[in-house]
Amino acid sequence: MKKIFAIDWWLVALFVIMAVSGFGMHISGTRCSHEVWHNWAVVHTLSSMAFLIAGIMHIQTHWAWYKSWFKKGLGNKSRVTAFLSIVFVIISVTGILLLALVDGANSGIGLWHYRIGIIMTIVGIIHLVKRFHILTKSLLRK
């Protein structure tokens, strides 16, 4: 399997773990013990850091697409991909701020991170569905 597809499959797996743990963390914050919330937070943080690294690698493999976007504008390029790229930057920045600078639980940035996370999940699923046939074909290639 080509490196680009291996990165893509890692992104799919990490995306699922990251989204489920993010929602789990949010739900457990209102209904469960702190220990349960903490476990969700650890899984979410680790999967998000791995997703950030894989996401950067994914962007690097598609850098020509981004260069063309910056030079010539979107044109007929996927607006879903462009929007997802912007949301990815915002969610990454808010996540890093929560991790490094802010006491995240019940903070304003934490709530914005959660809201943007919902948007990222929806747009990420749309992005994945539009490309899923390409990903599944990659499993058949050597």
N, C-alpha and C. Protein backbone atom coordinates (compact mmCIF):
# COMPACT_ATOMS: atom_id res chain seq x y z
N MET A 1 0.84 -1.17 0.00
CA MET A 1 0.00 0.00 0.00
C MET A 1 0.89 1.24 0.00
N LYS A 2 0.49 2.22 -0.79
CA LYS A 2 1.25 3.45 -0.86
C LYS A 2 1.17 4.20 0.47
N LYS A 3 2.23 4.96 0.75
CA LYS A 3 2.32 5.72 1.99
C LYS A 3 1.11 6.65 2.17
N ILE A 4 0.69 7.29 1.09
CA ILE A 4 -0.42 8.24 1.17
C ILE A 4 -1.69 7.56 1.67
N PHE A 5 -1.94 6.32 1.22
CA PHE A 5 -3.14 5.61 1.65
C PHE A 5 -2.99 5.07 3.07
N ALA A 6 -1.80 4.70 3.46
CA ALA A 6 -1.57 4.26 4.84
C ALA A 6 -1.88 5.42 5.80
N ILE A 7 -1.43 6.61 5.45
CA ILE A 7 -1.74 7.80 6.26
C ILE A 7 -3.24 8.02 6.31
N ASP A 8 -3.90 7.90 5.16
CA ASP A 8 -5.35 8.10 5.10
C ASP A 8 -6.09 7.12 6.00
N TRP A 9 -5.69 5.86 5.98
CA TRP A 9 -6.36 4.87 6.83
C TRP A 9 -6.12 5.14 8.31
N TRP A 10 -4.90 5.58 8.64
CA TRP A 10 -4.63 5.97 10.03
C TRP A 10 -5.54 7.13 10.43
N LEU A 11 -5.71 8.08 9.52
CA LEU A 11 -6.59 9.22 9.80
C LEU A 11 -8.02 8.76 10.07
N VAL A 12 -8.50 7.81 9.30
CA VAL A 12 -9.86 7.29 9.49
C VAL A 12 -10.00 6.70 10.90
N ALA A 13 -9.07 5.82 11.26
CA ALA A 13 -9.14 5.18 12.58
C ALA A 13 -9.03 6.21 13.71
N LEU A 14 -8.08 7.12 13.58
CA LEU A 14 -7.89 8.14 14.61
C LEU A 14 -9.07 9.10 14.69
N PHE A 15 -9.67 9.40 13.53
CA PHE A 15 -10.83 10.27 13.49
C PHE A 15 -11.99 9.67 14.29
N VAL A 16 -12.22 8.39 14.12
CA VAL A 16 -13.30 7.71 14.84
C VAL A 16 -13.03 7.76 16.35
N ILE A 17 -11.81 7.38 16.74
CA ILE A 17 -11.45 7.38 18.17
C ILE A 17 -11.55 8.79 18.73
N MET A 18 -11.04 9.77 18.01
CA MET A 18 -11.04 11.15 18.47
C MET A 18 -12.47 11.67 18.62
N ALA A 19 -13.33 11.43 17.64
CA ALA A 19 -14.71 11.92 17.70
C ALA A 19 -15.49 11.23 18.82
N VAL A 20 -15.40 9.91 18.91
CA VAL A 20 -16.13 9.18 19.95
C VAL A 20 -15.66 9.61 21.33
N SER A 21 -14.36 9.74 21.51
CA SER A 21 -13.85 10.13 22.83
C SER A 21 -14.20 11.58 23.16
N GLY A 22 -14.25 12.44 22.16
CA GLY A 22 -14.66 13.83 22.41
C GLY A 22 -16.09 13.91 22.89
N PHE A 23 -16.99 13.18 22.20
CA PHE A 23 -18.38 13.16 22.63
C PHE A 23 -18.53 12.45 23.98
N GLY A 24 -17.76 11.37 24.17
CA GLY A 24 -17.78 10.65 25.45
C GLY A 24 -17.34 11.54 26.59
N MET A 25 -16.32 12.33 26.35
CA MET A 25 -15.82 13.24 27.37
C MET A 25 -16.89 14.29 27.70
N HIS A 26 -17.54 14.82 26.68
CA HIS A 26 -18.57 15.84 26.90
C HIS A 26 -19.75 15.26 27.69
N ILE A 27 -20.21 14.09 27.29
CA ILE A 27 -21.36 13.48 27.97
C ILE A 27 -21.00 13.10 29.41
N SER A 28 -19.81 12.52 29.59
CA SER A 28 -19.42 12.08 30.93
C SER A 28 -19.17 13.26 31.87
N GLY A 29 -18.90 14.42 31.32
CA GLY A 29 -18.68 15.60 32.16
C GLY A 29 -19.92 16.04 32.90
N THR A 30 -21.07 15.65 32.40
CA THR A 30 -22.33 16.03 33.06
C THR A 30 -23.01 14.87 33.77
N ARG A 31 -22.60 13.63 33.48
CA ARG A 31 -23.36 12.49 33.99
C ARG A 31 -22.53 11.46 34.75
N CYS A 32 -21.22 11.60 34.77
CA CYS A 32 -20.38 10.54 35.35
C CYS A 32 -19.39 11.12 36.35
N SER A 33 -18.64 10.22 36.94
CA SER A 33 -17.62 10.64 37.89
C SER A 33 -16.46 11.31 37.17
N HIS A 34 -15.66 12.02 37.93
CA HIS A 34 -14.49 12.69 37.35
C HIS A 34 -13.53 11.67 36.74
N GLU A 35 -13.42 10.50 37.35
CA GLU A 35 -12.52 9.47 36.84
C GLU A 35 -12.91 9.02 35.43
N VAL A 36 -14.20 8.85 35.21
CA VAL A 36 -14.68 8.46 33.88
C VAL A 36 -14.37 9.56 32.88
N TRP A 37 -14.67 10.81 33.26
CA TRP A 37 -14.37 11.96 32.39
C TRP A 37 -12.88 11.99 32.08
N HIS A 38 -12.04 11.79 33.09
CA HIS A 38 -10.59 11.82 32.92
C HIS A 38 -10.13 10.76 31.93
N ASN A 39 -10.69 9.55 32.03
CA ASN A 39 -10.31 8.49 31.09
C ASN A 39 -10.65 8.87 29.65
N TRP A 40 -11.86 9.44 29.45
CA TRP A 40 -12.22 9.92 28.11
C TRP A 40 -11.25 11.01 27.66
N ALA A 41 -10.89 11.90 28.57
CA ALA A 41 -10.00 13.01 28.23
C ALA A 41 -8.62 12.50 27.80
N VAL A 42 -8.11 11.49 28.48
CA VAL A 42 -6.80 10.92 28.11
C VAL A 42 -6.86 10.30 26.71
N VAL A 43 -7.89 9.51 26.45
CA VAL A 43 -8.04 8.90 25.12
C VAL A 43 -8.18 9.98 24.06
N HIS A 44 -8.99 11.00 24.35
CA HIS A 44 -9.21 12.08 23.39
C HIS A 44 -7.92 12.85 23.11
N THR A 45 -7.18 13.15 24.15
CA THR A 45 -5.94 13.91 23.99
C THR A 45 -4.91 13.12 23.18
N LEU A 46 -4.72 11.85 23.51
CA LEU A 46 -3.72 11.04 22.80
C LEU A 46 -4.13 10.81 21.34
N SER A 47 -5.40 10.48 21.11
CA SER A 47 -5.84 10.26 19.73
C SER A 47 -5.80 11.57 18.93
N SER A 48 -6.09 12.68 19.58
CA SER A 48 -6.05 13.98 18.88
C SER A 48 -4.62 14.37 18.52
N MET A 49 -3.68 14.08 19.41
CA MET A 49 -2.28 14.39 19.07
C MET A 49 -1.81 13.52 17.90
N ALA A 50 -2.18 12.26 17.93
CA ALA A 50 -1.82 11.37 16.81
C ALA A 50 -2.51 11.83 15.53
N PHE A 51 -3.78 12.26 15.64
CA PHE A 51 -4.52 12.76 14.47
C PHE A 51 -3.86 14.03 13.92
N LEU A 52 -3.40 14.90 14.80
CA LEU A 52 -2.73 16.13 14.36
C LEU A 52 -1.47 15.78 13.55
N ILE A 53 -0.69 14.86 14.04
CA ILE A 53 0.53 14.45 13.32
C ILE A 53 0.18 13.82 11.98
N ALA A 54 -0.79 12.89 11.99
CA ALA A 54 -1.20 12.25 10.73
C ALA A 54 -1.84 13.26 9.79
N GLY A 55 -2.59 14.23 10.34
CA GLY A 55 -3.20 15.27 9.52
C GLY A 55 -2.17 16.14 8.84
N ILE A 56 -1.11 16.48 9.56
CA ILE A 56 -0.01 17.26 8.96
C ILE A 56 0.66 16.45 7.85
N MET A 57 0.86 15.17 8.09
CA MET A 57 1.46 14.31 7.06
C MET A 57 0.54 14.22 5.84
N HIS A 58 -0.76 14.15 6.08
CA HIS A 58 -1.75 14.08 5.00
C HIS A 58 -1.71 15.37 4.17
N ILE A 59 -1.64 16.50 4.85
CA ILE A 59 -1.56 17.79 4.15
C ILE A 59 -0.28 17.88 3.33
N GLN A 60 0.82 17.37 3.88
CA GLN A 60 2.08 17.38 3.14
C GLN A 60 1.98 16.56 1.85
N THR A 61 1.29 15.43 1.91
CA THR A 61 1.17 14.61 0.70
C THR A 61 0.29 15.27 -0.35
N HIS A 62 -0.56 16.19 0.08
CA HIS A 62 -1.45 16.91 -0.84
C HIS A 62 -1.05 18.37 -0.99
N TRP A 63 0.21 18.68 -0.74
CA TRP A 63 0.65 20.07 -0.71
C TRP A 63 0.44 20.78 -2.04
N ALA A 64 0.54 20.07 -3.14
CA ALA A 64 0.32 20.70 -4.45
C ALA A 64 -1.11 21.26 -4.54
N TRP A 65 -2.07 20.54 -3.98
CA TRP A 65 -3.46 21.01 -3.96
C TRP A 65 -3.56 22.33 -3.20
N TYR A 66 -2.88 22.41 -2.05
CA TYR A 66 -2.91 23.62 -1.24
C TYR A 66 -2.19 24.78 -1.93
N LYS A 67 -1.04 24.49 -2.53
CA LYS A 67 -0.31 25.55 -3.24
C LYS A 67 -1.17 26.14 -4.35
N SER A 68 -1.84 25.30 -5.09
CA SER A 68 -2.70 25.75 -6.16
C SER A 68 -3.87 26.57 -5.60
N TRP A 69 -4.41 26.15 -4.46
CA TRP A 69 -5.51 26.88 -3.82
C TRP A 69 -5.05 28.27 -3.42
N PHE A 70 -3.87 28.36 -2.82
CA PHE A 70 -3.36 29.65 -2.37
C PHE A 70 -3.01 30.57 -3.54
N LYS A 71 -2.52 30.00 -4.63
CA LYS A 71 -2.10 30.81 -5.78
C LYS A 71 -3.26 31.21 -6.67
N LYS A 72 -4.17 30.26 -6.93
CA LYS A 72 -5.21 30.48 -7.94
C LYS A 72 -6.62 30.58 -7.36
N GLY A 73 -6.77 30.37 -6.07
CA GLY A 73 -8.11 30.35 -5.48
C GLY A 73 -8.72 28.97 -5.60
N LEU A 74 -9.92 28.84 -5.08
CA LEU A 74 -10.57 27.52 -5.06
C LEU A 74 -10.96 27.03 -6.45
N GLY A 75 -11.46 27.91 -7.29
CA GLY A 75 -11.88 27.45 -8.62
C GLY A 75 -12.85 26.30 -8.51
N ASN A 76 -12.51 25.17 -9.12
CA ASN A 76 -13.39 24.01 -9.06
C ASN A 76 -12.95 23.00 -7.99
N LYS A 77 -12.08 23.42 -7.10
CA LYS A 77 -11.62 22.54 -6.02
C LYS A 77 -12.74 22.31 -5.01
N SER A 78 -12.63 21.26 -4.26
CA SER A 78 -13.64 20.88 -3.29
C SER A 78 -13.74 21.91 -2.17
N ARG A 79 -14.92 22.49 -2.05
CA ARG A 79 -15.16 23.43 -0.97
C ARG A 79 -15.25 22.72 0.38
N VAL A 80 -15.67 21.47 0.36
CA VAL A 80 -15.72 20.67 1.59
C VAL A 80 -14.30 20.50 2.13
N THR A 81 -13.36 20.17 1.25
CA THR A 81 -11.97 19.99 1.66
C THR A 81 -11.38 21.30 2.17
N ALA A 82 -11.68 22.38 1.49
CA ALA A 82 -11.18 23.69 1.92
C ALA A 82 -11.74 24.05 3.29
N PHE A 83 -13.04 23.85 3.48
CA PHE A 83 -13.67 24.16 4.76
C PHE A 83 -13.12 23.26 5.86
N LEU A 84 -12.95 21.97 5.56
CA LEU A 84 -12.38 21.04 6.52
C LEU A 84 -10.97 21.46 6.92
N SER A 85 -10.19 21.94 5.97
CA SER A 85 -8.83 22.40 6.26
C SER A 85 -8.83 23.57 7.24
N ILE A 86 -9.76 24.49 7.03
CA ILE A 86 -9.86 25.65 7.93
C ILE A 86 -10.32 25.22 9.32
N VAL A 87 -11.32 24.35 9.36
CA VAL A 87 -11.82 23.85 10.65
C VAL A 87 -10.72 23.06 11.37
N PHE A 88 -9.94 22.29 10.62
CA PHE A 88 -8.83 21.53 11.20
C PHE A 88 -7.84 22.45 11.91
N VAL A 89 -7.51 23.57 11.28
CA VAL A 89 -6.59 24.53 11.90
C VAL A 89 -7.20 25.10 13.17
N ILE A 90 -8.47 25.49 13.10
CA ILE A 90 -9.12 26.09 14.27
C ILE A 90 -9.23 25.10 15.42
N ILE A 91 -9.65 23.88 15.12
CA ILE A 91 -9.81 22.88 16.18
C ILE A 91 -8.45 22.51 16.77
N SER A 92 -7.41 22.49 15.93
CA SER A 92 -6.06 22.19 16.43
C SER A 92 -5.57 23.29 17.36
N VAL A 93 -5.77 24.53 16.96
CA VAL A 93 -5.33 25.66 17.80
C VAL A 93 -6.08 25.67 19.13
N THR A 94 -7.41 25.50 19.09
CA THR A 94 -8.15 25.51 20.35
C THR A 94 -7.77 24.31 21.23
N GLY A 95 -7.52 23.17 20.62
CA GLY A 95 -7.10 22.00 21.39
C GLY A 95 -5.74 22.20 22.05
N ILE A 96 -4.81 22.79 21.30
CA ILE A 96 -3.49 23.06 21.87
C ILE A 96 -3.60 24.09 22.99
N LEU A 97 -4.43 25.11 22.80
CA LEU A 97 -4.64 26.09 23.87
C LEU A 97 -5.21 25.43 25.12
N LEU A 98 -6.16 24.55 24.95
CA LEU A 98 -6.74 23.84 26.09
C LEU A 98 -5.70 22.99 26.80
N LEU A 99 -4.86 22.36 26.03
CA LEU A 99 -3.86 21.47 26.59
C LEU A 99 -2.73 22.24 27.28
N ALA A 100 -2.34 23.35 26.67
CA ALA A 100 -1.14 24.04 27.14
C ALA A 100 -1.41 25.24 28.06
N LEU A 101 -2.48 25.96 27.83
CA LEU A 101 -2.62 27.24 28.52
C LEU A 101 -3.85 27.40 29.40
N VAL A 102 -4.90 26.68 29.11
CA VAL A 102 -6.18 26.94 29.75
C VAL A 102 -6.63 25.72 30.53
N ASP A 103 -7.25 25.97 31.67
CA ASP A 103 -7.91 24.88 32.38
C ASP A 103 -9.17 24.56 31.59
N GLY A 104 -9.12 23.49 30.81
CA GLY A 104 -10.12 23.22 29.80
C GLY A 104 -11.52 22.92 30.29
N ALA A 105 -11.64 22.25 31.44
CA ALA A 105 -12.97 21.84 31.88
C ALA A 105 -13.85 23.06 32.14
N ASN A 106 -14.97 23.10 31.46
CA ASN A 106 -15.97 24.17 31.61
C ASN A 106 -15.47 25.56 31.23
N SER A 107 -14.41 25.64 30.45
CA SER A 107 -13.92 26.95 30.01
C SER A 107 -14.63 27.36 28.72
N GLY A 108 -14.57 28.65 28.42
CA GLY A 108 -15.14 29.15 27.18
C GLY A 108 -14.48 28.53 25.97
N ILE A 109 -13.16 28.42 26.00
CA ILE A 109 -12.45 27.81 24.88
C ILE A 109 -12.84 26.34 24.75
N GLY A 110 -13.03 25.67 25.89
CA GLY A 110 -13.45 24.27 25.85
C GLY A 110 -14.79 24.08 25.17
N LEU A 111 -15.73 24.99 25.45
CA LEU A 111 -17.05 24.89 24.80
C LEU A 111 -16.95 25.21 23.31
N TRP A 112 -16.12 26.18 22.94
CA TRP A 112 -15.92 26.46 21.51
C TRP A 112 -15.26 25.28 20.82
N HIS A 113 -14.28 24.67 21.50
CA HIS A 113 -13.60 23.50 20.94
C HIS A 113 -14.63 22.39 20.69
N TYR A 114 -15.53 22.19 21.63
CA TYR A 114 -16.58 21.17 21.48
C TYR A 114 -17.49 21.49 20.31
N ARG A 115 -17.94 22.73 20.21
CA ARG A 115 -18.84 23.13 19.11
C ARG A 115 -18.16 22.98 17.75
N ILE A 116 -16.92 23.41 17.68
CA ILE A 116 -16.17 23.29 16.43
C ILE A 116 -15.90 21.81 16.14
N GLY A 117 -15.73 21.02 17.19
CA GLY A 117 -15.54 19.58 17.03
C GLY A 117 -16.75 18.92 16.39
N ILE A 118 -17.94 19.39 16.73
CA ILE A 118 -19.15 18.85 16.10
C ILE A 118 -19.12 19.17 14.61
N ILE A 119 -18.76 20.41 14.27
CA ILE A 119 -18.66 20.80 12.86
C ILE A 119 -17.61 19.96 12.16
N MET A 120 -16.45 19.79 12.81
CA MET A 120 -15.36 19.00 12.21
C MET A 120 -15.81 17.56 11.97
N THR A 121 -16.56 17.00 12.91
CA THR A 121 -17.04 15.63 12.75
C THR A 121 -17.95 15.51 11.54
N ILE A 122 -18.88 16.43 11.41
CA ILE A 122 -19.82 16.40 10.28
C ILE A 122 -19.09 16.58 8.95
N VAL A 123 -18.26 17.60 8.88
CA VAL A 123 -17.54 17.88 7.63
C VAL A 123 -16.53 16.77 7.33
N GLY A 124 -15.90 16.23 8.37
CA GLY A 124 -14.96 15.13 8.19
C GLY A 124 -15.64 13.89 7.62
N ILE A 125 -16.84 13.60 8.11
CA ILE A 125 -17.59 12.46 7.58
C ILE A 125 -17.95 12.68 6.12
N ILE A 126 -18.38 13.89 5.78
CA ILE A 126 -18.70 14.20 4.38
C ILE A 126 -17.45 14.02 3.51
N HIS A 127 -16.32 14.55 3.97
CA HIS A 127 -15.05 14.43 3.24
C HIS A 127 -14.69 12.95 3.04
N LEU A 128 -14.84 12.16 4.09
CA LEU A 128 -14.51 10.74 4.02
C LEU A 128 -15.46 9.99 3.08
N VAL A 129 -16.74 10.26 3.17
CA VAL A 129 -17.72 9.56 2.33
C VAL A 129 -17.44 9.84 0.85
N LYS A 130 -17.09 11.09 0.53
CA LYS A 130 -16.82 11.44 -0.87
C LYS A 130 -15.59 10.73 -1.41
N ARG A 131 -14.68 10.30 -0.53
CA ARG A 131 -13.44 9.68 -0.98
C ARG A 131 -13.33 8.20 -0.60
N PHE A 132 -14.36 7.66 0.01
CA PHE A 132 -14.28 6.30 0.53
C PHE A 132 -14.02 5.27 -0.56
N HIS A 133 -14.57 5.48 -1.75
CA HIS A 133 -14.34 4.52 -2.84
C HIS A 133 -12.86 4.48 -3.22
N ILE A 134 -12.18 5.61 -3.15
CA ILE A 134 -10.74 5.65 -3.45
C ILE A 134 -9.97 4.91 -2.36
N LEU A 135 -10.37 5.13 -1.10
CA LEU A 135 -9.70 4.45 0.01
C LEU A 135 -9.88 2.93 -0.07
N THR A 136 -11.08 2.48 -0.37
CA THR A 136 -11.30 1.04 -0.44
C THR A 136 -10.53 0.41 -1.60
N LYS A 137 -10.39 1.13 -2.71
CA LYS A 137 -9.58 0.62 -3.82
C LYS A 137 -8.12 0.48 -3.41
N SER A 138 -7.67 1.36 -2.50
CA SER A 138 -6.26 1.30 -2.07
C SER A 138 -5.94 -0.01 -1.37
N LEU A 139 -6.93 -0.65 -0.78
CA LEU A 139 -6.71 -1.93 -0.09
C LEU A 139 -6.42 -3.05 -1.08
N LEU A 140 -6.89 -2.88 -2.31
CA LEU A 140 -6.73 -3.92 -3.32
C LEU A 140 -5.39 -3.80 -4.07
N ARG A 141 -4.77 -2.63 -4.00
CA ARG A 141 -3.50 -2.38 -4.70
C ARG A 141 -2.34 -2.91 -3.88
N LYS A 142 -1.27 -3.21 -4.60
CA LYS A 142 -0.06 -3.66 -3.90
C LYS A 142 0.93 -2.53 -3.78
